[in-house]
C-alpha atoms as a PDB file:
ATOM      1  CA  MET A   1       0.000   0.000   0.000  1.00  0.00           C
ATOM      2  CA  TYR A   2       1.257   3.456  -0.901  1.00  0.00           C
ATOM      3  CA  THR A   3       1.709   6.017   1.879  1.00  0.00           C
ATOM      4  CA  HIS A   4       1.206   9.659   0.914  1.00  0.00           C
ATOM      5  CA  ASP A   5       4.054  11.862   2.205  1.00  0.00           C
ATOM      6  CA  PRO A   6       4.376  15.247   0.428  1.00  0.00           C
ATOM      7  CA  GLU A   7       8.073  15.691   1.270  1.00  0.00           C
ATOM      8  CA  ILE A   8       9.043  12.242   0.020  1.00  0.00           C
ATOM      9  CA  GLU A   9       6.960  12.748  -3.121  1.00  0.00           C
ATOM     10  CA  LYS A  10       8.605  16.104  -3.821  1.00  0.00           C
ATOM     11  CA  LYS A  11      12.070  14.521  -3.511  1.00  0.00           C
ATOM     12  CA  GLU A  12      11.015  11.651  -5.769  1.00  0.00           C
ATOM     13  CA  ILE A  13       9.683  14.033  -8.430  1.00  0.00           C
ATOM     14  CA  ILE A  14      12.977  15.938  -8.414  1.00  0.00           C
ATOM     15  CA  LYS A  15      14.928  12.664  -8.612  1.00  0.00           C
ATOM     16  CA  ARG A  16      12.905  11.524 -11.633  1.00  0.00           C
ATOM     17  CA  TYR A  17      13.317  14.946 -13.269  1.00  0.00           C
ATOM     18  CA  ARG A  18      17.093  14.736 -12.842  1.00  0.00           C
ATOM     19  CA  ASN A  19      17.106  11.236 -14.327  1.00  0.00           C
ATOM     20  CA  LEU A  20      15.211  12.631 -17.292  1.00  0.00           C
ATOM     21  CA  LEU A  21      17.782  15.389 -17.748  1.00  0.00           C
ATOM     22  CA  ILE A  22      20.540  12.769 -17.797  1.00  0.00           C
ATOM     23  CA  ALA A  23      18.626  10.752 -20.412  1.00  0.00           C
ATOM     24  CA  LEU A  24      18.105  13.861 -22.541  1.00  0.00           C
ATOM     25  CA  HIS A  25      21.841  14.545 -22.612  1.00  0.00           C
ATOM     26  CA  VAL A  26      20.968  18.191 -22.199  1.00  0.00           C
ATOM     27  CA  HIS A  27      23.387  20.537 -23.828  1.00  0.00           C
ATOM     28  CA  LYS A  28      23.847  23.076 -21.096  1.00  0.00           C
ATOM     29  CA  THR A  29      22.569  25.987 -23.114  1.00  0.00           C
ATOM     30  CA  PRO A  30      20.465  28.508 -21.234  1.00  0.00           C
ATOM     31  CA  LYS A  31      17.674  28.181 -23.816  1.00  0.00           C
ATOM     32  CA  SER A  32      17.383  24.379 -23.528  1.00  0.00           C
ATOM     33  CA  ARG A  33      17.486  24.477 -19.730  1.00  0.00           C
ATOM     34  CA  GLN A  34      14.806  27.179 -19.700  1.00  0.00           C
ATOM     35  CA  LEU A  35      12.498  25.263 -22.064  1.00  0.00           C
ATOM     36  CA  ILE A  36      12.864  21.994 -20.180  1.00  0.00           C
ATOM     37  CA  ARG A  37      12.278  23.603 -16.793  1.00  0.00           C
ATOM     38  CA  LYS A  38       9.214  25.443 -18.089  1.00  0.00           C
ATOM     39  CA  ALA A  39       7.728  22.208 -19.472  1.00  0.00           C
ATOM     40  CA  PHE A  40       8.503  20.377 -16.234  1.00  0.00           C
ATOM     41  CA  ASN A  41       6.900  23.078 -14.071  1.00  0.00           C
ATOM     42  CA  MET A  42       3.807  23.106 -16.293  1.00  0.00           C
ATOM     43  CA  ALA A  43       3.465  19.311 -16.106  1.00  0.00           C
ATOM     44  CA  VAL A  44       3.889  19.238 -12.326  1.00  0.00           C
ATOM     45  CA  GLU A  45       1.271  21.960 -11.935  1.00  0.00           C
ATOM     46  CA  ALA A  46      -1.160  20.296 -14.358  1.00  0.00           C
ATOM     47  CA  HIS A  47      -0.928  16.948 -12.535  1.00  0.00           C
ATOM     48  CA  LYS A  48      -0.566  18.194  -8.950  1.00  0.00           C
ATOM     49  CA  ASP A  49      -3.900  16.832  -7.704  1.00  0.00           C
ATOM     50  CA  ILE A  50      -4.012  13.673  -9.821  1.00  0.00           C
ATOM     51  CA  ARG A  51      -3.112  10.289  -8.375  1.00  0.00           C
ATOM     52  CA  ARG A  52      -2.834   6.829  -9.867  1.00  0.00           C
ATOM     53  CA  LYS A  53      -4.933   3.951  -8.521  1.00  0.00           C
ATOM     54  CA  THR A  54      -1.931   2.978  -6.388  1.00  0.00           C
ATOM     55  CA  GLY A  55      -2.055   6.385  -4.689  1.00  0.00           C
ATOM     56  CA  GLU A  56       1.183   7.604  -6.253  1.00  0.00           C
ATOM     57  CA  PRO A  57       1.284  11.069  -7.826  1.00  0.00           C
ATOM     58  CA  TYR A  58       0.383  10.821 -11.517  1.00  0.00           C
ATOM     59  CA  ILE A  59       3.397  12.959 -12.530  1.00  0.00           C
ATOM     60  CA  TYR A  60       5.673   9.974 -11.828  1.00  0.00           C
ATOM     61  CA  HIS A  61       4.303   8.250 -14.931  1.00  0.00           C
ATOM     62  CA  PRO A  62       4.863  11.031 -17.502  1.00  0.00           C
ATOM     63  CA  LEU A  63       8.356  11.662 -16.129  1.00  0.00           C
ATOM     64  CA  ASP A  64       9.216   7.980 -16.439  1.00  0.00           C
ATOM     65  CA  VAL A  65       7.768   7.758 -19.955  1.00  0.00           C
ATOM     66  CA  ALA A  66       9.727  10.839 -21.029  1.00  0.00           C
ATOM     67  CA  ARG A  67      12.934   9.361 -19.556  1.00  0.00           C
ATOM     68  CA  ILE A  68      12.384   6.107 -21.435  1.00  0.00           C
ATOM     69  CA  ALA A  69      11.594   7.966 -24.663  1.00  0.00           C
ATOM     70  CA  ALA A  70      14.755  10.037 -24.329  1.00  0.00           C
ATOM     71  CA  GLY A  71      17.108   7.348 -23.074  1.00  0.00           C
ATOM     72  CA  GLU A  72      15.962   4.270 -24.948  1.00  0.00           C
ATOM     73  CA  ILE A  73      14.308   5.663 -28.057  1.00  0.00           C
ATOM     74  CA  GLY A  74      16.537   8.698 -28.432  1.00  0.00           C
ATOM     75  CA  LEU A  75      13.889  11.407 -28.577  1.00  0.00           C
ATOM     76  CA  GLY A  76      15.249  14.839 -27.842  1.00  0.00           C
ATOM     77  CA  ILE A  77      14.315  18.002 -26.017  1.00  0.00           C
ATOM     78  CA  THR A  78      11.529  18.975 -28.430  1.00  0.00           C
ATOM     79  CA  SER A  79       9.742  15.687 -27.810  1.00  0.00           C
ATOM     80  CA  PHE A  80      10.031  16.148 -24.061  1.00  0.00           C
ATOM     81  CA  ILE A  81       8.665  19.671 -24.190  1.00  0.00           C
ATOM     82  CA  HIS A  82       5.596  18.502 -26.123  1.00  0.00           C
ATOM     83  CA  TRP A  83       4.963  15.442 -23.969  1.00  0.00           C
END
């Protein structure tokens, strides 16, 4: 059973976001960082009150899918931004 803890969830969201950045092989340009952060913030806000049947925050799923798409399929920053 999943236990809801806002602090743990926040840390987990940040961890998954960082894993996504690694998978994207982000070129450290200010423009790419700005676009990715904006898309991330928008996604977190859009899914903030949505939970999966397990009780986990829904945002875990899109972050994981984006990481897989970037790391295993090779999709780039543009694909992430439009996810």
